[in-house]
Amino acid sequence: MAILSVNEDVSGFLAKISAHAGLERALGAGGYQLLGVLFFAAMGYMLYRIGRQKQVSIDKL
């Protein structure tokens, strides 16, 4: 995301499609932050589950 923001055109486009203002109005500032924490926790859980999966041997494919 930071790399995309270097170019002014791309940065302007990303600002247009951002849902930040609408979500913050709907959820409030605290709710918006909580939503971010929940998404981050979900991503961490998914990465943990993927990392704990047993490796499939190439012979079994």
PDB file of N, CA and C in Angstrom:
ATOM      1  N   MET A   1       0.820  -1.184   0.000  1.00  0.00           N
ATOM      2  CA  MET A   1       0.000   0.000   0.000  1.00  0.00           C
ATOM      3  C   MET A   1       0.868   1.252   0.000  1.00  0.00           C
ATOM      4  N   ALA A   2       1.917   1.250   0.785  1.00  0.00           N
ATOM      5  CA  ALA A   2       2.789   2.422   0.852  1.00  0.00           C
ATOM      6  C   ALA A   2       3.484   2.663  -0.486  1.00  0.00           C
ATOM      7  N   ILE A   3       3.866   1.613  -1.163  1.00  0.00           N
ATOM      8  CA  ILE A   3       4.538   1.757  -2.463  1.00  0.00           C
ATOM      9  C   ILE A   3       3.579   2.377  -3.477  1.00  0.00           C
ATOM     10  N   LEU A   4       2.300   1.981  -3.425  1.00  0.00           N
ATOM     11  CA  LEU A   4       1.320   2.537  -4.352  1.00  0.00           C
ATOM     12  C   LEU A   4       1.069   4.019  -4.102  1.00  0.00           C
ATOM     13  N   SER A   5       1.254   4.464  -2.889  1.00  0.00           N
ATOM     14  CA  SER A   5       0.979   5.857  -2.539  1.00  0.00           C
ATOM     15  C   SER A   5       2.053   6.830  -3.008  1.00  0.00           C
ATOM     16  N   VAL A   6       3.156   6.337  -3.525  1.00  0.00           N
ATOM     17  CA  VAL A   6       4.240   7.199  -3.987  1.00  0.00           C
ATOM     18  C   VAL A   6       3.785   8.015  -5.197  1.00  0.00           C
ATOM     19  N   ASN A   7       3.095   7.389  -6.108  1.00  0.00           N
ATOM     20  CA  ASN A   7       2.610   8.065  -7.310  1.00  0.00           C
ATOM     21  C   ASN A   7       1.341   8.844  -6.951  1.00  0.00           C
ATOM     22  N   GLU A   8       1.269  10.122  -7.336  1.00  0.00           N
ATOM     23  CA  GLU A   8       0.128  10.985  -7.002  1.00  0.00           C
ATOM     24  C   GLU A   8      -1.172  10.482  -7.622  1.00  0.00           C
ATOM     25  N   ASP A   9      -1.117   9.992  -8.861  1.00  0.00           N
ATOM     26  CA  ASP A   9      -2.329   9.505  -9.530  1.00  0.00           C
ATOM     27  C   ASP A   9      -2.888   8.281  -8.820  1.00  0.00           C
ATOM     28  N   VAL A  10      -2.008   7.353  -8.480  1.00  0.00           N
ATOM     29  CA  VAL A  10      -2.437   6.131  -7.792  1.00  0.00           C
ATOM     30  C   VAL A  10      -2.940   6.482  -6.400  1.00  0.00           C
ATOM     31  N   SER A  11      -2.257   7.373  -5.721  1.00  0.00           N
ATOM     32  CA  SER A  11      -2.664   7.789  -4.385  1.00  0.00           C
ATOM     33  C   SER A  11      -4.052   8.432  -4.419  1.00  0.00           C
ATOM     34  N   GLY A  12      -4.312   9.265  -5.415  1.00  0.00           N
ATOM     35  CA  GLY A  12      -5.631   9.891  -5.561  1.00  0.00           C
ATOM     36  C   GLY A  12      -6.721   8.875  -5.840  1.00  0.00           C
ATOM     37  N   PHE A  13      -6.415   7.892  -6.671  1.00  0.00           N
ATOM     38  CA  PHE A  13      -7.385   6.836  -6.978  1.00  0.00           C
ATOM     39  C   PHE A  13      -7.708   6.018  -5.735  1.00  0.00           C
ATOM     40  N   LEU A  14      -6.689   5.675  -4.965  1.00  0.00           N
ATOM     41  CA  LEU A  14      -6.918   4.906  -3.740  1.00  0.00           C
ATOM     42  C   LEU A  14      -7.750   5.690  -2.739  1.00  0.00           C
ATOM     43  N   ALA A  15      -7.561   6.998  -2.691  1.00  0.00           N
ATOM     44  CA  ALA A  15      -8.348   7.834  -1.781  1.00  0.00           C
ATOM     45  C   ALA A  15      -9.819   7.857  -2.208  1.00  0.00           C
ATOM     46  N   LYS A  16     -10.080   7.805  -3.521  1.00  0.00           N
ATOM     47  CA  LYS A  16     -11.458   7.811  -4.025  1.00  0.00           C
ATOM     48  C   LYS A  16     -12.194   6.523  -3.674  1.00  0.00           C
ATOM     49  N   ILE A  17     -11.518   5.386  -3.707  1.00  0.00           N
ATOM     50  CA  ILE A  17     -12.191   4.114  -3.472  1.00  0.00           C
ATOM     51  C   ILE A  17     -12.118   3.667  -2.009  1.00  0.00           C
ATOM     52  N   SER A  18     -11.532   4.475  -1.158  1.00  0.00           N
ATOM     53  CA  SER A  18     -11.400   4.136   0.252  1.00  0.00           C
ATOM     54  C   SER A  18     -12.764   4.108   0.938  1.00  0.00           C
ATOM     55  N   ALA A  19     -13.002   3.107   1.763  1.00  0.00           N
ATOM     56  CA  ALA A  19     -14.248   2.976   2.522  1.00  0.00           C
ATOM     57  C   ALA A  19     -14.075   3.494   3.944  1.00  0.00           C
ATOM     58  N   HIS A  20     -12.955   4.120   4.237  1.00  0.00           N
ATOM     59  CA  HIS A  20     -12.634   4.572   5.587  1.00  0.00           C
ATOM     60  C   HIS A  20     -13.714   5.473   6.177  1.00  0.00           C
ATOM     61  N   ALA A  21     -14.083   6.515   5.474  1.00  0.00           N
ATOM     62  CA  ALA A  21     -15.029   7.496   6.019  1.00  0.00           C
ATOM     63  C   ALA A  21     -16.400   6.873   6.269  1.00  0.00           C
ATOM     64  N   GLY A  22     -16.881   6.095   5.330  1.00  0.00           N
ATOM     65  CA  GLY A  22     -18.199   5.469   5.485  1.00  0.00           C
ATOM     66  C   GLY A  22     -18.238   4.476   6.631  1.00  0.00           C
ATOM     67  N   LEU A  23     -17.201   3.660   6.746  1.00  0.00           N
ATOM     68  CA  LEU A  23     -17.155   2.684   7.836  1.00  0.00           C
ATOM     69  C   LEU A  23     -17.023   3.363   9.185  1.00  0.00           C
ATOM     70  N   GLU A  24     -16.229   4.421   9.240  1.00  0.00           N
ATOM     71  CA  GLU A  24     -16.051   5.114  10.512  1.00  0.00           C
ATOM     72  C   GLU A  24     -17.340   5.820  10.938  1.00  0.00           C
ATOM     73  N   ARG A  25     -18.085   6.349   9.965  1.00  0.00           N
ATOM     74  CA  ARG A  25     -19.378   6.964  10.296  1.00  0.00           C
ATOM     75  C   ARG A  25     -20.360   5.908  10.793  1.00  0.00           C
ATOM     76  N   ALA A  26     -20.375   4.750  10.150  1.00  0.00           N
ATOM     77  CA  ALA A  26     -21.327   3.698  10.510  1.00  0.00           C
ATOM     78  C   ALA A  26     -20.978   3.027  11.836  1.00  0.00           C
ATOM     79  N   LEU A  27     -19.695   2.798  12.084  1.00  0.00           N
ATOM     80  CA  LEU A  27     -19.282   2.043  13.267  1.00  0.00           C
ATOM     81  C   LEU A  27     -18.791   2.913  14.414  1.00  0.00           C
ATOM     82  N   GLY A  28     -18.485   4.160  14.131  1.00  0.00           N
ATOM     83  CA  GLY A  28     -17.849   5.018  15.126  1.00  0.00           C
ATOM     84  C   GLY A  28     -16.348   4.751  15.106  1.00  0.00           C
ATOM     85  N   ALA A  29     -15.590   5.633  15.722  1.00  0.00           N
ATOM     86  CA  ALA A  29     -14.125   5.496  15.692  1.00  0.00           C
ATOM     87  C   ALA A  29     -13.677   4.220  16.397  1.00  0.00           C
ATOM     88  N   GLY A  30     -14.251   3.921  17.547  1.00  0.00           N
ATOM     89  CA  GLY A  30     -13.870   2.718  18.287  1.00  0.00           C
ATOM     90  C   GLY A  30     -14.257   1.446  17.559  1.00  0.00           C
ATOM     91  N   GLY A  31     -15.438   1.446  16.950  1.00  0.00           N
ATOM     92  CA  GLY A  31     -15.884   0.277  16.190  1.00  0.00           C
ATOM     93  C   GLY A  31     -15.023   0.034  14.966  1.00  0.00           C
ATOM     94  N   TYR A  32     -14.598   1.115  14.338  1.00  0.00           N
ATOM     95  CA  TYR A  32     -13.738   0.999  13.158  1.00  0.00           C
ATOM     96  C   TYR A  32     -12.385   0.400  13.534  1.00  0.00           C
ATOM     97  N   GLN A  33     -11.850   0.834  14.662  1.00  0.00           N
ATOM     98  CA  GLN A  33     -10.579   0.276  15.131  1.00  0.00           C
ATOM     99  C   GLN A  33     -10.737  -1.187  15.530  1.00  0.00           C
ATOM    100  N   LEU A  34     -11.846  -1.519  16.169  1.00  0.00           N
ATOM    101  CA  LEU A  34     -12.115  -2.905  16.552  1.00  0.00           C
ATOM    102  C   LEU A  34     -12.239  -3.793  15.318  1.00  0.00           C
ATOM    103  N   LEU A  35     -12.871  -3.284  14.281  1.00  0.00           N
ATOM    104  CA  LEU A  35     -12.977  -4.034  13.026  1.00  0.00           C
ATOM    105  C   LEU A  35     -11.591  -4.340  12.465  1.00  0.00           C
ATOM    106  N   GLY A  36     -10.691  -3.367  12.526  1.00  0.00           N
ATOM    107  CA  GLY A  36      -9.319  -3.587  12.059  1.00  0.00           C
ATOM    108  C   GLY A  36      -8.611  -4.650  12.874  1.00  0.00           C
ATOM    109  N   VAL A  37      -8.798  -4.623  14.183  1.00  0.00           N
ATOM    110  CA  VAL A  37      -8.177  -5.637  15.057  1.00  0.00           C
ATOM    111  C   VAL A  37      -8.738  -7.017  14.745  1.00  0.00           C
ATOM    112  N   LEU A  38     -10.047  -7.103  14.536  1.00  0.00           N
ATOM    113  CA  LEU A  38     -10.666  -8.399  14.223  1.00  0.00           C
ATOM    114  C   LEU A  38     -10.153  -8.964  12.901  1.00  0.00           C
ATOM    115  N   PHE A  39     -10.030  -8.113  11.889  1.00  0.00           N
ATOM    116  CA  PHE A  39      -9.504  -8.577  10.606  1.00  0.00           C
ATOM    117  C   PHE A  39      -8.046  -9.022  10.743  1.00  0.00           C
ATOM    118  N   PHE A  40      -7.266  -8.293  11.517  1.00  0.00           N
ATOM    119  CA  PHE A  40      -5.871  -8.657  11.728  1.00  0.00           C
ATOM    120  C   PHE A  40      -5.773  -9.985  12.465  1.00  0.00           C
ATOM    121  N   ALA A  41      -6.608 -10.194  13.475  1.00  0.00           N
ATOM    122  CA  ALA A  41      -6.625 -11.454  14.217  1.00  0.00           C
ATOM    123  C   ALA A  41      -7.056 -12.606  13.316  1.00  0.00           C
ATOM    124  N   ALA A  42      -8.049 -12.376  12.460  1.00  0.00           N
ATOM    125  CA  ALA A  42      -8.499 -13.414  11.529  1.00  0.00           C
ATOM    126  C   ALA A  42      -7.382 -13.784  10.558  1.00  0.00           C
ATOM    127  N   MET A  43      -6.658 -12.802  10.070  1.00  0.00           N
ATOM    128  CA  MET A  43      -5.553 -13.074   9.164  1.00  0.00           C
ATOM    129  C   MET A  43      -4.465 -13.888   9.877  1.00  0.00           C
ATOM    130  N   GLY A  44      -4.156 -13.521  11.117  1.00  0.00           N
ATOM    131  CA  GLY A  44      -3.169 -14.272  11.882  1.00  0.00           C
ATOM    132  C   GLY A  44      -3.606 -15.698  12.119  1.00  0.00           C
ATOM    133  N   TYR A  45      -4.885 -15.897  12.431  1.00  0.00           N
ATOM    134  CA  TYR A  45      -5.409 -17.249  12.640  1.00  0.00           C
ATOM    135  C   TYR A  45      -5.306 -18.085  11.369  1.00  0.00           C
ATOM    136  N   MET A  46      -5.654 -17.479  10.216  1.00  0.00           N
ATOM    137  CA  MET A  46      -5.558 -18.212   8.943  1.00  0.00           C
ATOM    138  C   MET A  46      -4.111 -18.584   8.628  1.00  0.00           C
ATOM    139  N   LEU A  47      -3.188 -17.659   8.862  1.00  0.00           N
ATOM    140  CA  LEU A  47      -1.778 -17.964   8.617  1.00  0.00           C
ATOM    141  C   LEU A  47      -1.279 -19.064   9.544  1.00  0.00           C
ATOM    142  N   TYR A  48      -1.731 -19.056  10.790  1.00  0.00           N
ATOM    143  CA  TYR A  48      -1.373 -20.109  11.738  1.00  0.00           C
ATOM    144  C   TYR A  48      -1.892 -21.461  11.262  1.00  0.00           C
ATOM    145  N   ARG A  49      -3.158 -21.489  10.841  1.00  0.00           N
ATOM    146  CA  ARG A  49      -3.746 -22.752  10.372  1.00  0.00           C
ATOM    147  C   ARG A  49      -3.024 -23.279   9.137  1.00  0.00           C
ATOM    148  N   ILE A  50      -2.691 -22.414   8.216  1.00  0.00           N
ATOM    149  CA  ILE A  50      -1.978 -22.832   7.007  1.00  0.00           C
ATOM    150  C   ILE A  50      -0.593 -23.344   7.371  1.00  0.00           C
ATOM    151  N   GLY A  51       0.068 -22.670   8.293  1.00  0.00           N
ATOM    152  CA  GLY A  51       1.409 -23.088   8.714  1.00  0.00           C
ATOM    153  C   GLY A  51       1.410 -24.419   9.445  1.00  0.00           C
ATOM    154  N   ARG A  52       0.329 -24.754  10.108  1.00  0.00           N
ATOM    155  CA  ARG A  52       0.248 -26.001  10.879  1.00  0.00           C
ATOM    156  C   ARG A  52      -0.227 -27.191  10.046  1.00  0.00           C
ATOM    157  N   GLN A  53      -0.634 -26.948   8.797  1.00  0.00           N
ATOM    158  CA  GLN A  53      -1.087 -28.055   7.952  1.00  0.00           C
ATOM    159  C   GLN A  53       0.070 -28.987   7.642  1.00  0.00           C
ATOM    160  N   LYS A  54      -0.248 -30.268   7.539  1.00  0.00           N
ATOM    161  CA  LYS A  54       0.775 -31.237   7.179  1.00  0.00           C
ATOM    162  C   LYS A  54       1.122 -31.069   5.709  1.00  0.00           C
ATOM    163  N   GLN A  55       2.393 -31.299   5.406  1.00  0.00           N
ATOM    164  CA  GLN A  55       2.871 -31.211   4.041  1.00  0.00           C
ATOM    165  C   GLN A  55       2.356 -32.408   3.245  1.00  0.00           C
ATOM    166  N   VAL A  56       1.926 -32.150   2.018  1.00  0.00           N
ATOM    167  CA  VAL A  56       1.486 -33.220   1.125  1.00  0.00           C
ATOM    168  C   VAL A  56       2.684 -33.626   0.284  1.00  0.00           C
ATOM    169  N   SER A  57       2.983 -34.904   0.289  1.00  0.00           N
ATOM    170  CA  SER A  57       4.113 -35.407  -0.480  1.00  0.00           C
ATOM    171  C   SER A  57       3.802 -35.310  -1.966  1.00  0.00           C
ATOM    172  N   ILE A  58       4.801 -35.026  -2.755  1.00  0.00           N
ATOM    173  CA  ILE A  58       4.639 -34.923  -4.209  1.00  0.00           C
ATOM    174  C   ILE A  58       4.216 -36.273  -4.805  1.00  0.00           C
ATOM    175  N   ASP A  59       4.577 -37.362  -4.141  1.00  0.00           N
ATOM    176  CA  ASP A  59       4.203 -38.692  -4.616  1.00  0.00           C
ATOM    177  C   ASP A  59       2.698 -38.923  -4.510  1.00  0.00           C
ATOM    178  N   LYS A  60       2.038 -38.293  -3.566  1.00  0.00           N
ATOM    179  CA  LYS A  60       0.609 -38.477  -3.361  1.00  0.00           C
ATOM    180  C   LYS A  60      -0.226 -37.651  -4.324  1.00  0.00           C
ATOM    181  N   LEU A  61       0.404 -36.710  -5.013  1.00  0.00           N
ATOM    182  CA  LEU A  61      -0.335 -35.885  -5.972  1.00  0.00           C
ATOM    183  C   LEU A  61      -0.452 -36.653  -7.238  1.00  0.00           C
TER     184      LEU A  61
END
